[in-house]
Amino acid sequence: MRALVGLWRWRHNPLRRKTDLVEAWVACAALLLIVLAAPLAGIAVGGLSKDALQESVRKQHEVRHEVTGTVIKKVSRPPVDPDPETSSARDRHSRVLAEWTAPDGTAHSGTVLADLRAPGPGDRFKLWTDERGQVVGRPLDDATAATHAALAGFGVAAAVAGLVEGTRRIVVWRIVLRRYDRWDQAWDKAGPDWGRTGTGS
């Protein structure tokens, strides 16, 4: 806003330098780009990301199937994991030896993580497998896909705004350096007698 006020004020000022006008126009252009281009870029990237993620959700739901597993026995815990993120995720699950039937009808068994606090033989739980019965991760859901797309859009909008502001600062810095160079040239033309003109010394 200050750029627009400055631009208007400098229009007919006799003390206005060319660099002042350029600086005001650069600030005005940067403001318009931040207000218009950054959100449009964010919306475009968010929309493209959402389409790609929704396609991924659809494909994952086609090849991953939720089946019911039956606990055979609880498996002892592995040694303490030093990574707090993975250890906290494992604390909510129990390692069990279980059996399940794949979507193609074949029987499978193995050690898996079950969402059970105190599993016992015969307890049932849900797990995700592929067509052949191999355990896979839970497929991405629509809400998570939309959240990731929104975050991508916000990230791109912020990056564009930061790039525009960074470019504006570099341009203004160059303008200021040029202004200082012109002042030095004017000072050199005035010579060492600056202030003593007409004193006869």
C-alpha atoms as a PDB file:
ATOM      1  CA  MET A   1       0.000   0.000   0.000  1.00  0.00           C
ATOM      2  CA  ARG A   2       2.861   2.331   0.849  1.00  0.00           C
ATOM      3  CA  ALA A   3       4.192   1.735  -2.682  1.00  0.00           C
ATOM      4  CA  LEU A   4       0.951   2.969  -4.241  1.00  0.00           C
ATOM      5  CA  VAL A   5       0.862   6.067  -2.041  1.00  0.00           C
ATOM      6  CA  GLY A   6       4.518   6.743  -2.840  1.00  0.00           C
ATOM      7  CA  LEU A   7       3.905   6.271  -6.551  1.00  0.00           C
ATOM      8  CA  TRP A   8       1.035   8.770  -6.522  1.00  0.00           C
ATOM      9  CA  ARG A   9       2.962  11.296  -4.426  1.00  0.00           C
ATOM     10  CA  TRP A  10       6.046  11.188  -6.649  1.00  0.00           C
ATOM     11  CA  ARG A  11       4.141  11.766  -9.922  1.00  0.00           C
ATOM     12  CA  HIS A  12       4.877  15.505 -10.325  1.00  0.00           C
ATOM     13  CA  ASN A  13       7.398  16.147  -7.549  1.00  0.00           C
ATOM     14  CA  PRO A  14      10.354  18.154  -8.891  1.00  0.00           C
ATOM     15  CA  LEU A  15      12.710  16.292  -6.527  1.00  0.00           C
ATOM     16  CA  ARG A  16      11.667  12.941  -7.933  1.00  0.00           C
ATOM     17  CA  ARG A  17      14.513  10.893  -9.326  1.00  0.00           C
ATOM     18  CA  LYS A  18      14.070   8.282 -11.997  1.00  0.00           C
ATOM     19  CA  THR A  19      15.121   5.604  -9.497  1.00  0.00           C
ATOM     20  CA  ASP A  20      12.340   6.692  -7.109  1.00  0.00           C
ATOM     21  CA  LEU A  21       9.758   6.101  -9.797  1.00  0.00           C
ATOM     22  CA  VAL A  22      11.286   2.738 -10.775  1.00  0.00           C
ATOM     23  CA  GLU A  23      11.353   1.655  -7.121  1.00  0.00           C
ATOM     24  CA  ALA A  24       7.685   2.579  -6.670  1.00  0.00           C
ATOM     25  CA  TRP A  25       6.649   0.704  -9.845  1.00  0.00           C
ATOM     26  CA  VAL A  26       8.646  -2.367  -8.788  1.00  0.00           C
ATOM     27  CA  ALA A  27       6.888  -2.341  -5.405  1.00  0.00           C
ATOM     28  CA  CYS A  28       3.505  -1.937  -7.097  1.00  0.00           C
ATOM     29  CA  ALA A  29       4.189  -4.832  -9.502  1.00  0.00           C
ATOM     30  CA  ALA A  30       5.403  -7.052  -6.637  1.00  0.00           C
ATOM     31  CA  LEU A  31       2.273  -6.270  -4.631  1.00  0.00           C
ATOM     32  CA  LEU A  32       0.021  -7.201  -7.547  1.00  0.00           C
ATOM     33  CA  LEU A  33       1.943 -10.434  -8.173  1.00  0.00           C
ATOM     34  CA  ILE A  34       1.726 -11.435  -4.502  1.00  0.00           C
ATOM     35  CA  VAL A  35      -1.986 -10.637  -4.325  1.00  0.00           C
ATOM     36  CA  LEU A  36      -2.935 -12.219  -7.662  1.00  0.00           C
ATOM     37  CA  ALA A  37      -0.285 -14.591  -9.022  1.00  0.00           C
ATOM     38  CA  ALA A  38       0.609 -16.382  -5.774  1.00  0.00           C
ATOM     39  CA  PRO A  39      -2.979 -17.460  -4.970  1.00  0.00           C
ATOM     40  CA  LEU A  40      -3.625 -18.451  -8.598  1.00  0.00           C
ATOM     41  CA  ALA A  41      -0.464 -20.589  -8.639  1.00  0.00           C
ATOM     42  CA  GLY A  42      -1.504 -22.179  -5.342  1.00  0.00           C
ATOM     43  CA  ILE A  43      -4.999 -22.944  -6.645  1.00  0.00           C
ATOM     44  CA  ALA A  44      -3.618 -24.423  -9.872  1.00  0.00           C
ATOM     45  CA  VAL A  45      -1.081 -26.656  -8.113  1.00  0.00           C
ATOM     46  CA  GLY A  46      -3.607 -27.644  -5.442  1.00  0.00           C
ATOM     47  CA  GLY A  47      -6.107 -28.652  -8.132  1.00  0.00           C
ATOM     48  CA  LEU A  48      -3.532 -30.677 -10.075  1.00  0.00           C
ATOM     49  CA  SER A  49      -2.310 -32.332  -6.863  1.00  0.00           C
ATOM     50  CA  LYS A  50      -5.859 -33.180  -5.836  1.00  0.00           C
ATOM     51  CA  ASP A  51      -6.556 -34.828  -9.209  1.00  0.00           C
ATOM     52  CA  ALA A  52      -3.337 -36.860  -9.035  1.00  0.00           C
ATOM     53  CA  LEU A  53      -3.924 -37.894  -5.423  1.00  0.00           C
ATOM     54  CA  GLN A  54      -7.564 -38.851  -6.078  1.00  0.00           C
ATOM     55  CA  GLU A  55      -6.354 -41.065  -8.925  1.00  0.00           C
ATOM     56  CA  SER A  56      -3.844 -42.634  -6.533  1.00  0.00           C
ATOM     57  CA  VAL A  57      -6.632 -43.201  -3.973  1.00  0.00           C
ATOM     58  CA  ARG A  58      -8.738 -44.914  -6.629  1.00  0.00           C
ATOM     59  CA  LYS A  59      -5.881 -47.174  -7.750  1.00  0.00           C
ATOM     60  CA  GLN A  60      -4.914 -48.107  -4.197  1.00  0.00           C
ATOM     61  CA  HIS A  61      -8.506 -49.027  -3.352  1.00  0.00           C
ATOM     62  CA  GLU A  62      -8.623 -51.243  -6.448  1.00  0.00           C
ATOM     63  CA  VAL A  63      -5.558 -53.301  -5.476  1.00  0.00           C
ATOM     64  CA  ARG A  64      -5.680 -53.218  -1.660  1.00  0.00           C
ATOM     65  CA  HIS A  65      -8.327 -55.139   0.247  1.00  0.00           C
ATOM     66  CA  GLU A  66      -9.346 -55.150   3.899  1.00  0.00           C
ATOM     67  CA  VAL A  67      -9.447 -58.672   5.322  1.00  0.00           C
ATOM     68  CA  THR A  68      -9.940 -60.086   8.786  1.00  0.00           C
ATOM     69  CA  GLY A  69      -6.986 -61.649  10.565  1.00  0.00           C
ATOM     70  CA  THR A  70      -7.157 -64.056  13.484  1.00  0.00           C
ATOM     71  CA  VAL A  71      -4.526 -63.979  16.229  1.00  0.00           C
ATOM     72  CA  ILE A  72      -2.669 -67.249  16.775  1.00  0.00           C
ATOM     73  CA  LYS A  73      -0.373 -65.871  19.493  1.00  0.00           C
ATOM     74  CA  LYS A  74       1.254 -62.655  20.610  1.00  0.00           C
ATOM     75  CA  VAL A  75       4.883 -62.179  19.563  1.00  0.00           C
ATOM     76  CA  SER A  76       7.384 -60.692  21.991  1.00  0.00           C
ATOM     77  CA  ARG A  77       8.272 -57.055  21.388  1.00  0.00           C
ATOM     78  CA  PRO A  78      11.450 -56.168  19.506  1.00  0.00           C
ATOM     79  CA  PRO A  79      14.164 -54.167  21.296  1.00  0.00           C
ATOM     80  CA  VAL A  80      13.355 -50.548  22.111  1.00  0.00           C
ATOM     81  CA  ASP A  81      13.360 -48.358  18.993  1.00  0.00           C
ATOM     82  CA  PRO A  82      15.346 -45.127  19.496  1.00  0.00           C
ATOM     83  CA  ASP A  83      13.246 -43.265  16.901  1.00  0.00           C
ATOM     84  CA  PRO A  84      10.375 -41.620  18.832  1.00  0.00           C
ATOM     85  CA  GLU A  85       8.079 -41.413  15.789  1.00  0.00           C
ATOM     86  CA  THR A  86       8.197 -45.089  14.864  1.00  0.00           C
ATOM     87  CA  SER A  87       8.218 -46.265  18.478  1.00  0.00           C
ATOM     88  CA  SER A  88       5.086 -44.241  19.333  1.00  0.00           C
ATOM     89  CA  ALA A  89       3.311 -45.708  16.296  1.00  0.00           C
ATOM     90  CA  ARG A  90       4.299 -49.222  17.352  1.00  0.00           C
ATOM     91  CA  ASP A  91       3.157 -48.655  20.946  1.00  0.00           C
ATOM     92  CA  ARG A  92      -0.440 -48.451  19.727  1.00  0.00           C
ATOM     93  CA  HIS A  93      -0.148 -51.826  17.977  1.00  0.00           C
ATOM     94  CA  SER A  94       0.817 -55.338  19.016  1.00  0.00           C
ATOM     95  CA  ARG A  95       3.009 -57.767  17.088  1.00  0.00           C
ATOM     96  CA  VAL A  96       1.119 -61.020  16.618  1.00  0.00           C
ATOM     97  CA  LEU A  97       1.378 -64.240  14.680  1.00  0.00           C
ATOM     98  CA  ALA A  98      -1.868 -64.321  12.723  1.00  0.00           C
ATOM     99  CA  GLU A  99      -3.637 -66.073   9.890  1.00  0.00           C
ATOM    100  CA  TRP A 100      -5.906 -64.586   7.232  1.00  0.00           C
ATOM    101  CA  THR A 101      -7.527 -65.454   3.929  1.00  0.00           C
ATOM    102  CA  ALA A 102      -6.510 -63.464   0.845  1.00  0.00           C
ATOM    103  CA  PRO A 103      -9.086 -62.036  -1.586  1.00  0.00           C
ATOM    104  CA  ASP A 104      -8.156 -64.849  -4.004  1.00  0.00           C
ATOM    105  CA  GLY A 105      -9.119 -67.451  -1.358  1.00  0.00           C
ATOM    106  CA  THR A 106      -5.633 -68.613  -0.343  1.00  0.00           C
ATOM    107  CA  ALA A 107      -4.721 -68.969   3.339  1.00  0.00           C
ATOM    108  CA  HIS A 108      -1.793 -66.966   4.742  1.00  0.00           C
ATOM    109  CA  SER A 109      -0.067 -66.570   8.070  1.00  0.00           C
ATOM    110  CA  GLY A 110       2.734 -64.438   9.426  1.00  0.00           C
ATOM    111  CA  THR A 111       3.845 -61.873  11.953  1.00  0.00           C
ATOM    112  CA  VAL A 112       1.951 -58.596  11.586  1.00  0.00           C
ATOM    113  CA  LEU A 113       1.025 -55.518  13.590  1.00  0.00           C
ATOM    114  CA  ALA A 114      -2.508 -55.715  14.972  1.00  0.00           C
ATOM    115  CA  ASP A 115      -4.502 -52.783  16.284  1.00  0.00           C
ATOM    116  CA  LEU A 116      -5.121 -54.613  19.573  1.00  0.00           C
ATOM    117  CA  ARG A 117      -3.914 -53.549  23.004  1.00  0.00           C
ATOM    118  CA  ALA A 118      -3.935 -56.989  24.635  1.00  0.00           C
ATOM    119  CA  PRO A 119      -4.280 -59.588  21.885  1.00  0.00           C
ATOM    120  CA  GLY A 120      -5.085 -63.185  22.695  1.00  0.00           C
ATOM    121  CA  PRO A 121      -5.519 -66.330  20.598  1.00  0.00           C
ATOM    122  CA  GLY A 122      -8.669 -66.146  18.500  1.00  0.00           C
ATOM    123  CA  ASP A 123      -8.961 -62.341  18.593  1.00  0.00           C
ATOM    124  CA  ARG A 124      -9.906 -60.856  15.249  1.00  0.00           C
ATOM    125  CA  PHE A 125      -8.602 -57.636  13.665  1.00  0.00           C
ATOM    126  CA  LYS A 126      -8.549 -55.861  10.318  1.00  0.00           C
ATOM    127  CA  LEU A 127      -5.540 -55.717   8.009  1.00  0.00           C
ATOM    128  CA  TRP A 128      -4.894 -54.704   4.409  1.00  0.00           C
ATOM    129  CA  THR A 129      -3.517 -57.071   1.755  1.00  0.00           C
ATOM    130  CA  ASP A 130      -2.973 -57.122  -1.981  1.00  0.00           C
ATOM    131  CA  GLU A 131      -4.717 -59.585  -4.315  1.00  0.00           C
ATOM    132  CA  ARG A 132      -2.268 -62.383  -3.377  1.00  0.00           C
ATOM    133  CA  GLY A 133      -2.646 -61.884   0.371  1.00  0.00           C
ATOM    134  CA  GLN A 134       0.622 -60.022   1.040  1.00  0.00           C
ATOM    135  CA  VAL A 135       0.228 -57.467   3.825  1.00  0.00           C
ATOM    136  CA  VAL A 136       0.326 -53.877   2.545  1.00  0.00           C
ATOM    137  CA  GLY A 137      -0.242 -50.456   4.050  1.00  0.00           C
ATOM    138  CA  ARG A 138      -3.655 -48.924   4.446  1.00  0.00           C
ATOM    139  CA  PRO A 139      -4.713 -47.121   1.247  1.00  0.00           C
ATOM    140  CA  LEU A 140      -4.839 -43.355   1.122  1.00  0.00           C
ATOM    141  CA  ASP A 141      -8.304 -41.964   1.864  1.00  0.00           C
ATOM    142  CA  ASP A 142     -10.080 -39.004   0.265  1.00  0.00           C
ATOM    143  CA  ALA A 143      -9.706 -36.693   3.267  1.00  0.00           C
ATOM    144  CA  THR A 144      -5.952 -37.267   3.513  1.00  0.00           C
ATOM    145  CA  ALA A 145      -5.569 -36.739  -0.242  1.00  0.00           C
ATOM    146  CA  ALA A 146      -7.487 -33.445  -0.028  1.00  0.00           C
ATOM    147  CA  THR A 147      -5.341 -32.305   2.909  1.00  0.00           C
ATOM    148  CA  HIS A 148      -2.113 -33.079   1.028  1.00  0.00           C
ATOM    149  CA  ALA A 149      -3.413 -31.217  -2.040  1.00  0.00           C
ATOM    150  CA  ALA A 150      -4.348 -28.175   0.058  1.00  0.00           C
ATOM    151  CA  LEU A 151      -0.921 -28.171   1.715  1.00  0.00           C
ATOM    152  CA  ALA A 152       0.742 -28.364  -1.715  1.00  0.00           C
ATOM    153  CA  GLY A 153      -1.330 -25.391  -2.880  1.00  0.00           C
ATOM    154  CA  PHE A 154      -0.483 -23.324   0.201  1.00  0.00           C
ATOM    155  CA  GLY A 155       3.194 -24.243  -0.141  1.00  0.00           C
ATOM    156  CA  VAL A 156       3.353 -23.137  -3.772  1.00  0.00           C
ATOM    157  CA  ALA A 157       1.486 -19.891  -3.031  1.00  0.00           C
ATOM    158  CA  ALA A 158       3.915 -19.113  -0.204  1.00  0.00           C
ATOM    159  CA  ALA A 159       6.905 -19.988  -2.398  1.00  0.00           C
ATOM    160  CA  VAL A 160       5.697 -17.711  -5.219  1.00  0.00           C
ATOM    161  CA  ALA A 161       5.073 -14.860  -2.770  1.00  0.00           C
ATOM    162  CA  GLY A 162       8.541 -15.371  -1.260  1.00  0.00           C
ATOM    163  CA  LEU A 163      10.154 -15.459  -4.704  1.00  0.00           C
ATOM    164  CA  VAL A 164       8.417 -12.235  -5.749  1.00  0.00           C
ATOM    165  CA  GLU A 165       9.372 -10.481  -2.511  1.00  0.00           C
ATOM    166  CA  GLY A 166      12.959 -11.721  -2.758  1.00  0.00           C
ATOM    167  CA  THR A 167      13.188 -10.486  -6.357  1.00  0.00           C
ATOM    168  CA  ARG A 168      11.735  -7.115  -5.333  1.00  0.00           C
ATOM    169  CA  ARG A 169      14.322  -6.744  -2.576  1.00  0.00           C
ATOM    170  CA  ILE A 170      17.185  -7.582  -4.958  1.00  0.00           C
ATOM    171  CA  VAL A 171      15.923  -5.055  -7.524  1.00  0.00           C
ATOM    172  CA  VAL A 172      15.537  -2.343  -4.862  1.00  0.00           C
ATOM    173  CA  TRP A 173      19.021  -3.140  -3.527  1.00  0.00           C
ATOM    174  CA  ARG A 174      20.435  -2.693  -7.058  1.00  0.00           C
ATOM    175  CA  ILE A 175      18.520   0.585  -7.432  1.00  0.00           C
ATOM    176  CA  VAL A 176      19.935   1.872  -4.147  1.00  0.00           C
ATOM    177  CA  LEU A 177      23.477   0.915  -5.198  1.00  0.00           C
ATOM    178  CA  ARG A 178      22.973   2.756  -8.479  1.00  0.00           C
ATOM    179  CA  ARG A 179      21.639   5.774  -6.589  1.00  0.00           C
ATOM    180  CA  TYR A 180      24.739   5.785  -4.349  1.00  0.00           C
ATOM    181  CA  ASP A 181      26.973   5.566  -7.442  1.00  0.00           C
ATOM    182  CA  ARG A 182      25.241   8.613  -8.929  1.00  0.00           C
ATOM    183  CA  TRP A 183      25.660  10.504  -5.672  1.00  0.00           C
ATOM    184  CA  ASP A 184      29.375   9.659  -5.712  1.00  0.00           C
ATOM    185  CA  GLN A 185      29.649  10.886  -9.304  1.00  0.00           C
ATOM    186  CA  ALA A 186      27.848  14.119  -8.432  1.00  0.00           C
ATOM    187  CA  TRP A 187      30.120  14.601  -5.432  1.00  0.00           C
ATOM    188  CA  ASP A 188      33.213  14.040  -7.609  1.00  0.00           C
ATOM    189  CA  LYS A 189      31.968  16.680 -10.093  1.00  0.00           C
ATOM    190  CA  ALA A 190      31.467  19.172  -7.287  1.00  0.00           C
ATOM    191  CA  GLY A 191      35.116  18.683  -6.402  1.00  0.00           C
ATOM    192  CA  PRO A 192      37.016  19.357  -3.197  1.00  0.00           C
ATOM    193  CA  ASP A 193      35.897  23.010  -3.164  1.00  0.00           C
ATOM    194  CA  TRP A 194      32.368  22.048  -2.146  1.00  0.00           C
ATOM    195  CA  GLY A 195      31.004  24.735   0.142  1.00  0.00           C
ATOM    196  CA  ARG A 196      33.748  27.241  -0.615  1.00  0.00           C
ATOM    197  CA  THR A 197      32.448  28.389  -3.992  1.00  0.00           C
ATOM    198  CA  GLY A 198      32.712  32.152  -4.406  1.00  0.00           C
ATOM    199  CA  THR A 199      34.719  32.721  -1.217  1.00  0.00           C
ATOM    200  CA  GLY A 200      37.832  33.597  -3.193  1.00  0.00           C
ATOM    201  CA  SER A 201      40.001  30.981  -1.539  1.00  0.00           C
END
